[in-house]
Amino acid sequence: MATKEPGRTLIASNKKARHDYAILKTYEAGIVLNGTEVKSLREGRASLVDAFAQEHHGEIMLYGLHIAEYGYGSWTNHAPRRTRKLLLHKSEIVKILHQLDDGNGLTLVPLSMYFQDGWAKVELGLARGLRSYDKRQVLATRDAQREIAREMGRRLKGRR
């Protein structure tokens, strides 16, 4: 019998989501997968770029997640962009849906996908979209912090 690998192994991350949204709260969810999807994920062949999560009949589903077909799969291969069910506790689903239905302009975006002790997981973020001037402000503060750190490093080394 195969042993589960301990720890957390990153499969894919969605850097664009952290740039386009302000993440208010994160949730960890399991994901329902077929056999060839798991094999393809173990090869690291997934993309979260266009993915989003929505409620469907009281459950949260993940749309637009691309998991490439497994190279050695035959007729048993999966559809790359099929809708996948997320596994959350009912209380978490109720909390998430309550926050989404408040009309605050919140959305549910996948931030990363990883293996946790052998199980495929998705990190979801409850997010609010950023406007372009918000993004510019974030970039300006990041650049200013980088410049401050650079100058502090110079001064600590004795350079001016």
N, C-alpha and C. Protein backbone atom coordinates (compact mmCIF):
# COMPACT_ATOMS: atom_id res chain seq x y z
N MET A 1 0.84 -1.18 0.00
CA MET A 1 0.00 0.00 0.00
C MET A 1 0.88 1.24 0.00
N ALA A 2 0.51 2.22 -0.80
CA ALA A 2 1.29 3.46 -0.89
C ALA A 2 1.08 4.31 0.36
N THR A 3 2.13 4.98 0.76
CA THR A 3 2.02 5.85 1.93
C THR A 3 1.73 7.27 1.49
N LYS A 4 1.04 7.99 2.33
CA LYS A 4 0.74 9.39 2.04
C LYS A 4 1.96 10.23 2.34
N GLU A 5 2.24 11.18 1.45
CA GLU A 5 3.36 12.06 1.72
C GLU A 5 2.93 13.12 2.73
N PRO A 6 3.74 13.34 3.75
CA PRO A 6 3.36 14.31 4.78
C PRO A 6 3.59 15.74 4.30
N GLY A 7 2.86 16.67 4.89
CA GLY A 7 3.07 18.08 4.60
C GLY A 7 2.22 18.59 3.47
N ARG A 8 2.65 19.74 2.94
CA ARG A 8 1.88 20.46 1.94
C ARG A 8 2.71 20.63 0.67
N THR A 9 2.18 20.17 -0.46
CA THR A 9 2.86 20.28 -1.74
C THR A 9 2.01 21.15 -2.66
N LEU A 10 2.55 22.28 -3.06
CA LEU A 10 1.81 23.22 -3.91
C LEU A 10 1.69 22.68 -5.33
N ILE A 11 0.49 22.76 -5.88
CA ILE A 11 0.24 22.33 -7.25
C ILE A 11 0.18 23.55 -8.15
N ALA A 12 -0.67 24.52 -7.79
CA ALA A 12 -0.84 25.73 -8.59
C ALA A 12 -1.28 26.86 -7.68
N SER A 13 -0.92 28.08 -8.07
CA SER A 13 -1.38 29.25 -7.32
C SER A 13 -1.93 30.28 -8.29
N ASN A 14 -2.80 31.13 -7.78
CA ASN A 14 -3.46 32.14 -8.60
C ASN A 14 -2.96 33.52 -8.16
N LYS A 15 -1.82 33.94 -8.71
CA LYS A 15 -1.22 35.22 -8.34
C LYS A 15 -2.08 36.40 -8.80
N LYS A 16 -2.76 36.22 -9.91
CA LYS A 16 -3.61 37.28 -10.45
C LYS A 16 -4.76 37.61 -9.50
N ALA A 17 -5.27 36.60 -8.79
CA ALA A 17 -6.38 36.84 -7.87
C ALA A 17 -5.94 37.76 -6.73
N ARG A 18 -4.74 37.56 -6.22
CA ARG A 18 -4.25 38.42 -5.14
C ARG A 18 -4.00 39.84 -5.62
N HIS A 19 -3.75 40.00 -6.92
CA HIS A 19 -3.55 41.33 -7.49
C HIS A 19 -4.89 42.02 -7.76
N ASP A 20 -5.88 41.27 -8.24
CA ASP A 20 -7.15 41.86 -8.65
C ASP A 20 -8.17 41.98 -7.52
N TYR A 21 -7.96 41.28 -6.40
CA TYR A 21 -8.94 41.27 -5.33
C TYR A 21 -8.29 41.55 -3.98
N ALA A 22 -9.08 42.11 -3.08
CA ALA A 22 -8.69 42.23 -1.68
C ALA A 22 -9.28 41.01 -0.98
N ILE A 23 -8.43 40.15 -0.46
CA ILE A 23 -8.87 38.90 0.16
C ILE A 23 -9.27 39.19 1.61
N LEU A 24 -10.54 38.93 1.94
CA LEU A 24 -11.05 39.21 3.27
C LEU A 24 -10.93 38.02 4.21
N LYS A 25 -11.19 36.82 3.70
CA LYS A 25 -11.14 35.61 4.52
C LYS A 25 -10.82 34.43 3.62
N THR A 26 -10.09 33.46 4.16
CA THR A 26 -9.76 32.28 3.36
C THR A 26 -10.37 31.03 3.98
N TYR A 27 -10.68 30.07 3.12
CA TYR A 27 -11.23 28.79 3.51
C TYR A 27 -10.46 27.69 2.81
N GLU A 28 -10.34 26.55 3.46
CA GLU A 28 -9.72 25.37 2.85
C GLU A 28 -10.82 24.38 2.53
N ALA A 29 -10.83 23.91 1.28
CA ALA A 29 -11.87 22.97 0.86
C ALA A 29 -11.25 21.80 0.13
N GLY A 30 -11.83 20.63 0.33
CA GLY A 30 -11.45 19.48 -0.46
C GLY A 30 -12.11 19.58 -1.82
N ILE A 31 -11.71 18.74 -2.73
CA ILE A 31 -12.27 18.80 -4.08
C ILE A 31 -12.52 17.38 -4.57
N VAL A 32 -13.66 17.18 -5.24
CA VAL A 32 -14.02 15.87 -5.76
C VAL A 32 -13.35 15.71 -7.12
N LEU A 33 -12.51 14.66 -7.24
CA LEU A 33 -11.74 14.44 -8.46
C LEU A 33 -11.90 13.02 -8.98
N ASN A 34 -11.66 12.85 -10.28
CA ASN A 34 -11.60 11.52 -10.89
C ASN A 34 -10.16 11.02 -10.81
N GLY A 35 -9.95 9.74 -11.12
CA GLY A 35 -8.62 9.15 -11.01
C GLY A 35 -7.57 9.80 -11.87
N THR A 36 -7.89 10.08 -13.14
CA THR A 36 -6.89 10.67 -14.02
C THR A 36 -6.61 12.13 -13.65
N GLU A 37 -7.57 12.80 -13.00
CA GLU A 37 -7.34 14.17 -12.55
C GLU A 37 -6.28 14.19 -11.46
N VAL A 38 -6.34 13.25 -10.55
CA VAL A 38 -5.36 13.19 -9.48
C VAL A 38 -3.96 12.94 -10.04
N LYS A 39 -3.87 12.02 -11.00
CA LYS A 39 -2.57 11.73 -11.61
C LYS A 39 -2.01 12.95 -12.33
N SER A 40 -2.87 13.69 -13.01
CA SER A 40 -2.43 14.89 -13.70
C SER A 40 -2.01 15.98 -12.70
N LEU A 41 -2.73 16.08 -11.58
CA LEU A 41 -2.35 17.05 -10.55
C LEU A 41 -1.00 16.71 -9.93
N ARG A 42 -0.73 15.43 -9.75
CA ARG A 42 0.56 15.02 -9.19
C ARG A 42 1.71 15.42 -10.11
N GLU A 43 1.43 15.56 -11.41
CA GLU A 43 2.42 16.07 -12.35
C GLU A 43 2.46 17.59 -12.36
N GLY A 44 1.56 18.24 -11.62
CA GLY A 44 1.53 19.70 -11.54
C GLY A 44 0.89 20.39 -12.72
N ARG A 45 -0.03 19.73 -13.39
CA ARG A 45 -0.63 20.26 -14.60
C ARG A 45 -2.02 20.82 -14.34
N ALA A 46 -2.08 21.96 -13.66
CA ALA A 46 -3.36 22.62 -13.37
C ALA A 46 -3.20 24.11 -13.49
N SER A 47 -4.30 24.80 -13.78
CA SER A 47 -4.29 26.25 -13.89
C SER A 47 -5.54 26.82 -13.23
N LEU A 48 -5.34 27.79 -12.35
CA LEU A 48 -6.45 28.43 -11.63
C LEU A 48 -6.81 29.80 -12.21
N VAL A 49 -6.26 30.15 -13.36
CA VAL A 49 -6.37 31.52 -13.87
C VAL A 49 -7.82 31.97 -14.05
N ASP A 50 -8.65 31.20 -14.71
CA ASP A 50 -10.02 31.62 -14.99
C ASP A 50 -11.03 30.99 -14.03
N ALA A 51 -10.56 30.39 -12.96
CA ALA A 51 -11.45 29.64 -12.08
C ALA A 51 -12.19 30.56 -11.11
N PHE A 52 -13.39 30.14 -10.74
CA PHE A 52 -14.21 30.83 -9.74
C PHE A 52 -15.15 29.82 -9.11
N ALA A 53 -15.64 30.16 -7.94
CA ALA A 53 -16.56 29.27 -7.22
C ALA A 53 -17.92 29.95 -7.07
N GLN A 54 -18.99 29.15 -7.16
CA GLN A 54 -20.35 29.64 -7.01
C GLN A 54 -21.20 28.58 -6.32
N GLU A 55 -22.33 29.04 -5.80
CA GLU A 55 -23.29 28.14 -5.19
C GLU A 55 -24.14 27.50 -6.29
N HIS A 56 -24.41 26.21 -6.12
CA HIS A 56 -25.28 25.48 -7.05
C HIS A 56 -26.04 24.44 -6.25
N HIS A 57 -27.34 24.67 -6.06
CA HIS A 57 -28.22 23.77 -5.30
C HIS A 57 -27.70 23.51 -3.89
N GLY A 58 -27.28 24.57 -3.20
CA GLY A 58 -26.85 24.44 -1.82
C GLY A 58 -25.45 23.91 -1.63
N GLU A 59 -24.71 23.71 -2.71
CA GLU A 59 -23.33 23.26 -2.64
C GLU A 59 -22.46 24.28 -3.35
N ILE A 60 -21.18 24.27 -3.06
CA ILE A 60 -20.26 25.20 -3.72
C ILE A 60 -19.49 24.42 -4.77
N MET A 61 -19.55 24.92 -6.00
CA MET A 61 -18.91 24.27 -7.14
C MET A 61 -17.80 25.16 -7.67
N LEU A 62 -16.78 24.54 -8.24
CA LEU A 62 -15.64 25.24 -8.81
C LEU A 62 -15.74 25.16 -10.33
N TYR A 63 -15.80 26.32 -10.97
CA TYR A 63 -15.94 26.41 -12.42
C TYR A 63 -14.65 26.94 -13.02
N GLY A 64 -14.33 26.48 -14.23
CA GLY A 64 -13.21 27.03 -14.98
C GLY A 64 -11.83 26.56 -14.56
N LEU A 65 -11.74 25.63 -13.61
CA LEU A 65 -10.44 25.08 -13.22
C LEU A 65 -9.97 24.15 -14.34
N HIS A 66 -8.76 24.40 -14.83
CA HIS A 66 -8.23 23.58 -15.92
C HIS A 66 -7.23 22.58 -15.35
N ILE A 67 -7.56 21.30 -15.46
CA ILE A 67 -6.64 20.22 -15.14
C ILE A 67 -6.40 19.48 -16.45
N ALA A 68 -5.16 19.53 -16.94
CA ALA A 68 -4.84 18.94 -18.24
C ALA A 68 -5.09 17.43 -18.22
N GLU A 69 -5.40 16.90 -19.38
CA GLU A 69 -5.63 15.45 -19.49
C GLU A 69 -4.35 14.71 -19.13
N TYR A 70 -4.51 13.56 -18.52
CA TYR A 70 -3.37 12.73 -18.14
C TYR A 70 -2.78 12.11 -19.40
N GLY A 71 -1.47 12.20 -19.54
CA GLY A 71 -0.80 11.76 -20.76
C GLY A 71 -0.97 10.28 -21.06
N TYR A 72 -1.02 9.43 -20.02
CA TYR A 72 -1.13 8.00 -20.23
C TYR A 72 -2.57 7.50 -20.09
N GLY A 73 -3.51 8.43 -19.95
CA GLY A 73 -4.90 8.02 -19.85
C GLY A 73 -5.44 7.66 -21.23
N SER A 74 -6.44 6.83 -21.26
CA SER A 74 -7.03 6.43 -22.54
C SER A 74 -8.46 6.95 -22.56
N TRP A 75 -9.40 6.09 -22.77
CA TRP A 75 -10.80 6.48 -22.79
C TRP A 75 -11.28 6.89 -21.40
N THR A 76 -10.48 6.63 -20.36
CA THR A 76 -10.87 6.99 -19.00
C THR A 76 -10.50 8.43 -18.64
N ASN A 77 -9.92 9.18 -19.58
CA ASN A 77 -9.51 10.55 -19.29
C ASN A 77 -10.71 11.44 -18.97
N HIS A 78 -10.44 12.53 -18.30
CA HIS A 78 -11.47 13.47 -17.85
C HIS A 78 -11.56 14.67 -18.79
N ALA A 79 -12.64 15.43 -18.67
CA ALA A 79 -12.77 16.69 -19.39
C ALA A 79 -11.95 17.75 -18.63
N PRO A 80 -11.09 18.49 -19.31
CA PRO A 80 -10.18 19.40 -18.60
C PRO A 80 -10.86 20.51 -17.80
N ARG A 81 -11.97 21.04 -18.26
CA ARG A 81 -12.61 22.17 -17.58
C ARG A 81 -13.97 21.84 -17.00
N ARG A 82 -14.15 20.63 -16.54
CA ARG A 82 -15.45 20.26 -16.01
C ARG A 82 -15.70 20.95 -14.65
N THR A 83 -16.96 21.05 -14.28
CA THR A 83 -17.34 21.63 -12.99
C THR A 83 -17.05 20.62 -11.89
N ARG A 84 -16.38 21.10 -10.82
CA ARG A 84 -15.99 20.20 -9.74
C ARG A 84 -16.62 20.65 -8.42
N LYS A 85 -17.08 19.68 -7.64
CA LYS A 85 -17.71 19.96 -6.36
C LYS A 85 -16.64 20.18 -5.30
N LEU A 86 -16.86 21.19 -4.44
CA LEU A 86 -15.96 21.45 -3.33
C LEU A 86 -16.54 20.86 -2.05
N LEU A 87 -15.68 20.32 -1.23
CA LEU A 87 -16.09 19.66 0.00
C LEU A 87 -15.85 20.58 1.19
N LEU A 88 -16.93 21.09 1.74
CA LEU A 88 -16.90 21.97 2.90
C LEU A 88 -17.94 21.49 3.90
N HIS A 89 -17.76 21.85 5.17
CA HIS A 89 -18.79 21.56 6.16
C HIS A 89 -20.01 22.43 5.88
N LYS A 90 -21.16 21.93 6.21
CA LYS A 90 -22.41 22.64 5.95
C LYS A 90 -22.41 24.02 6.61
N SER A 91 -21.87 24.11 7.83
CA SER A 91 -21.83 25.40 8.52
C SER A 91 -20.96 26.40 7.77
N GLU A 92 -19.84 25.93 7.18
CA GLU A 92 -18.99 26.82 6.38
C GLU A 92 -19.72 27.28 5.13
N ILE A 93 -20.44 26.38 4.49
CA ILE A 93 -21.19 26.73 3.28
C ILE A 93 -22.22 27.79 3.60
N VAL A 94 -22.95 27.61 4.71
CA VAL A 94 -23.97 28.58 5.11
C VAL A 94 -23.34 29.94 5.37
N LYS A 95 -22.20 29.97 6.07
CA LYS A 95 -21.50 31.23 6.35
C LYS A 95 -21.07 31.93 5.07
N ILE A 96 -20.48 31.16 4.16
CA ILE A 96 -20.00 31.73 2.90
C ILE A 96 -21.16 32.27 2.09
N LEU A 97 -22.23 31.49 1.96
CA LEU A 97 -23.38 31.93 1.16
C LEU A 97 -24.05 33.15 1.78
N HIS A 98 -24.08 33.23 3.09
CA HIS A 98 -24.65 34.40 3.76
C HIS A 98 -23.84 35.65 3.43
N GLN A 99 -22.51 35.54 3.42
CA GLN A 99 -21.67 36.69 3.10
C GLN A 99 -21.76 37.06 1.63
N LEU A 100 -21.92 36.06 0.76
CA LEU A 100 -22.02 36.35 -0.67
C LEU A 100 -23.37 37.00 -1.02
N ASP A 101 -24.43 36.63 -0.28
CA ASP A 101 -25.77 37.13 -0.58
C ASP A 101 -26.05 38.50 0.02
N ASP A 102 -25.14 39.03 0.84
CA ASP A 102 -25.37 40.33 1.48
C ASP A 102 -25.37 41.49 0.49
N GLY A 103 -24.90 41.28 -0.71
CA GLY A 103 -24.88 42.35 -1.70
C GLY A 103 -23.70 43.29 -1.54
N ASN A 104 -22.63 42.82 -0.94
CA ASN A 104 -21.45 43.65 -0.74
C ASN A 104 -20.48 43.58 -1.92
N GLY A 105 -20.83 42.88 -2.96
CA GLY A 105 -19.94 42.74 -4.11
C GLY A 105 -18.81 41.76 -3.85
N LEU A 106 -19.04 40.77 -3.00
CA LEU A 106 -18.02 39.79 -2.70
C LEU A 106 -18.11 38.62 -3.67
N THR A 107 -16.99 37.98 -3.88
CA THR A 107 -16.93 36.80 -4.74
C THR A 107 -16.02 35.77 -4.10
N LEU A 108 -16.09 34.56 -4.60
CA LEU A 108 -15.30 33.46 -4.07
C LEU A 108 -14.32 33.01 -5.14
N VAL A 109 -13.01 33.21 -4.89
CA VAL A 109 -11.99 32.89 -5.88
C VAL A 109 -11.01 31.86 -5.30
N PRO A 110 -10.56 30.92 -6.12
CA PRO A 110 -9.53 29.99 -5.66
C PRO A 110 -8.17 30.67 -5.67
N LEU A 111 -7.43 30.56 -4.58
CA LEU A 111 -6.13 31.20 -4.46
C LEU A 111 -4.99 30.24 -4.74
N SER A 112 -5.12 29.00 -4.28
CA SER A 112 -4.08 28.01 -4.53
C SER A 112 -4.67 26.62 -4.46
N MET A 113 -3.94 25.69 -5.02
CA MET A 113 -4.32 24.28 -5.01
C MET A 113 -3.10 23.50 -4.57
N TYR A 114 -3.30 22.54 -3.66
CA TYR A 114 -2.16 21.83 -3.10
C TYR A 114 -2.60 20.47 -2.58
N PHE A 115 -1.60 19.62 -2.32
CA PHE A 115 -1.84 18.34 -1.66
C PHE A 115 -1.49 18.51 -0.19
N GLN A 116 -2.43 18.22 0.70
CA GLN A 116 -2.22 18.26 2.14
C GLN A 116 -2.31 16.83 2.65
N ASP A 117 -1.19 16.27 3.04
CA ASP A 117 -1.13 14.88 3.52
C ASP A 117 -1.77 13.90 2.54
N GLY A 118 -1.54 14.12 1.25
CA GLY A 118 -2.05 13.22 0.22
C GLY A 118 -3.41 13.57 -0.33
N TRP A 119 -4.12 14.52 0.28
CA TRP A 119 -5.46 14.91 -0.19
C TRP A 119 -5.37 16.22 -0.97
N ALA A 120 -6.07 16.28 -2.12
CA ALA A 120 -6.09 17.50 -2.92
C ALA A 120 -7.00 18.53 -2.25
N LYS A 121 -6.47 19.73 -2.05
CA LYS A 121 -7.21 20.81 -1.39
C LYS A 121 -7.15 22.07 -2.24
N VAL A 122 -8.14 22.94 -2.03
CA VAL A 122 -8.18 24.24 -2.69
C VAL A 122 -8.33 25.29 -1.61
N GLU A 123 -7.52 26.35 -1.68
CA GLU A 123 -7.67 27.48 -0.77
C GLU A 123 -8.55 28.51 -1.46
N LEU A 124 -9.72 28.76 -0.88
CA LEU A 124 -10.66 29.74 -1.44
C LEU A 124 -10.55 31.04 -0.68
N GLY A 125 -10.72 32.12 -1.39
CA GLY A 125 -10.69 33.43 -0.75
C GLY A 125 -12.00 34.16 -0.97
N LEU A 126 -12.57 34.67 0.10
CA LEU A 126 -13.74 35.53 0.00
C LEU A 126 -13.17 36.92 -0.30
N ALA A 127 -13.48 37.45 -1.48
CA ALA A 127 -12.74 38.61 -1.97
C ALA A 127 -13.66 39.71 -2.48
N ARG A 128 -13.12 40.92 -2.43
CA ARG A 128 -13.78 42.09 -2.99
C ARG A 128 -12.86 42.63 -4.08
N GLY A 129 -13.42 42.94 -5.23
CA GLY A 129 -12.63 43.42 -6.36
C GLY A 129 -11.97 44.77 -6.07
N LEU A 130 -10.74 44.91 -6.53
CA LEU A 130 -10.03 46.18 -6.38
C LEU A 130 -10.22 47.02 -7.63
N ARG A 131 -10.28 48.33 -7.44
CA ARG A 131 -10.34 49.24 -8.57
C ARG A 131 -8.91 49.55 -9.01
N SER A 132 -8.77 50.14 -10.20
CA SER A 132 -7.43 50.36 -10.73
C SER A 132 -6.61 51.31 -9.86
N TYR A 133 -7.24 52.32 -9.25
CA TYR A 133 -6.47 53.23 -8.39
C TYR A 133 -6.04 52.54 -7.10
N ASP A 134 -6.83 51.55 -6.63
CA ASP A 134 -6.41 50.76 -5.47
C ASP A 134 -5.16 49.95 -5.80
N LYS A 135 -5.15 49.36 -7.00
CA LYS A 135 -4.00 48.57 -7.43
C LYS A 135 -2.75 49.43 -7.53
N ARG A 136 -2.92 50.65 -8.07
CA ARG A 136 -1.77 51.57 -8.18
C ARG A 136 -1.24 51.95 -6.81
N GLN A 137 -2.16 52.14 -5.87
CA GLN A 137 -1.76 52.48 -4.50
C GLN A 137 -0.96 51.35 -3.86
N VAL A 138 -1.41 50.12 -4.07
CA VAL A 138 -0.71 48.95 -3.52
C VAL A 138 0.69 48.85 -4.12
N LEU A 139 0.79 49.04 -5.43
CA LEU A 139 2.10 48.99 -6.09
C LEU A 139 3.02 50.10 -5.59
N ALA A 140 2.47 51.30 -5.38
CA ALA A 140 3.29 52.42 -4.90
C ALA A 140 3.81 52.15 -3.49
N THR A 141 2.96 51.63 -2.61
CA THR A 141 3.43 51.33 -1.24
C THR A 141 4.45 50.19 -1.25
N ARG A 142 4.26 49.20 -2.10
CA ARG A 142 5.22 48.11 -2.19
C ARG A 142 6.58 48.62 -2.66
N ASP A 143 6.58 49.50 -3.68
CA ASP A 143 7.83 50.08 -4.15
C ASP A 143 8.50 50.93 -3.08
N ALA A 144 7.70 51.70 -2.34
CA ALA A 144 8.25 52.54 -1.27
C ALA A 144 8.87 51.67 -0.17
N GLN A 145 8.20 50.59 0.21
CA GLN A 145 8.74 49.69 1.23
C GLN A 145 10.04 49.04 0.75
N ARG A 146 10.08 48.67 -0.51
CA ARG A 146 11.29 48.06 -1.07
C ARG A 146 12.45 49.06 -1.05
N GLU A 147 12.16 50.32 -1.39
CA GLU A 147 13.20 51.36 -1.39
C GLU A 147 13.68 51.64 0.03
N ILE A 148 12.78 51.64 1.00
CA ILE A 148 13.16 51.85 2.41
C ILE A 148 14.06 50.70 2.87
N ALA A 149 13.68 49.47 2.55
CA ALA A 149 14.48 48.32 2.95
C ALA A 149 15.86 48.35 2.30
N ARG A 150 15.92 48.78 1.04
CA ARG A 150 17.19 48.88 0.34
C ARG A 150 18.10 49.92 1.00
N GLU A 151 17.54 51.07 1.34
CA GLU A 151 18.31 52.13 1.98
C GLU A 151 18.77 51.71 3.38
N MET A 152 17.91 51.02 4.13
CA MET A 152 18.31 50.54 5.46
C MET A 152 19.45 49.53 5.34
N GLY A 153 19.41 48.68 4.34
CA GLY A 153 20.49 47.73 4.12
C GLY A 153 21.80 48.42 3.82
N ARG A 154 21.73 49.47 3.00
CA ARG A 154 22.95 50.25 2.69
C ARG A 154 23.53 50.88 3.95
N ARG A 155 22.67 51.46 4.76
CA ARG A 155 23.15 52.12 5.98
C ARG A 155 23.73 51.14 6.98
N LEU A 156 23.13 49.93 7.07
CA LEU A 156 23.66 48.92 7.98
C LEU A 156 25.04 48.42 7.52
N LYS A 157 25.26 48.41 6.21
CA LYS A 157 26.54 47.98 5.70
C LYS A 157 27.58 49.10 5.71
N GLY A 158 27.17 50.29 6.07
CA GLY A 158 28.10 51.41 6.14
C GLY A 158 28.25 52.19 4.86
N ARG A 159 27.41 51.92 3.89
CA ARG A 159 27.46 52.66 2.61
C ARG A 159 26.44 53.77 2.68
N ARG A 160 26.63 54.75 1.88
CA ARG A 160 25.65 55.87 1.82
C ARG A 160 24.98 55.94 0.51
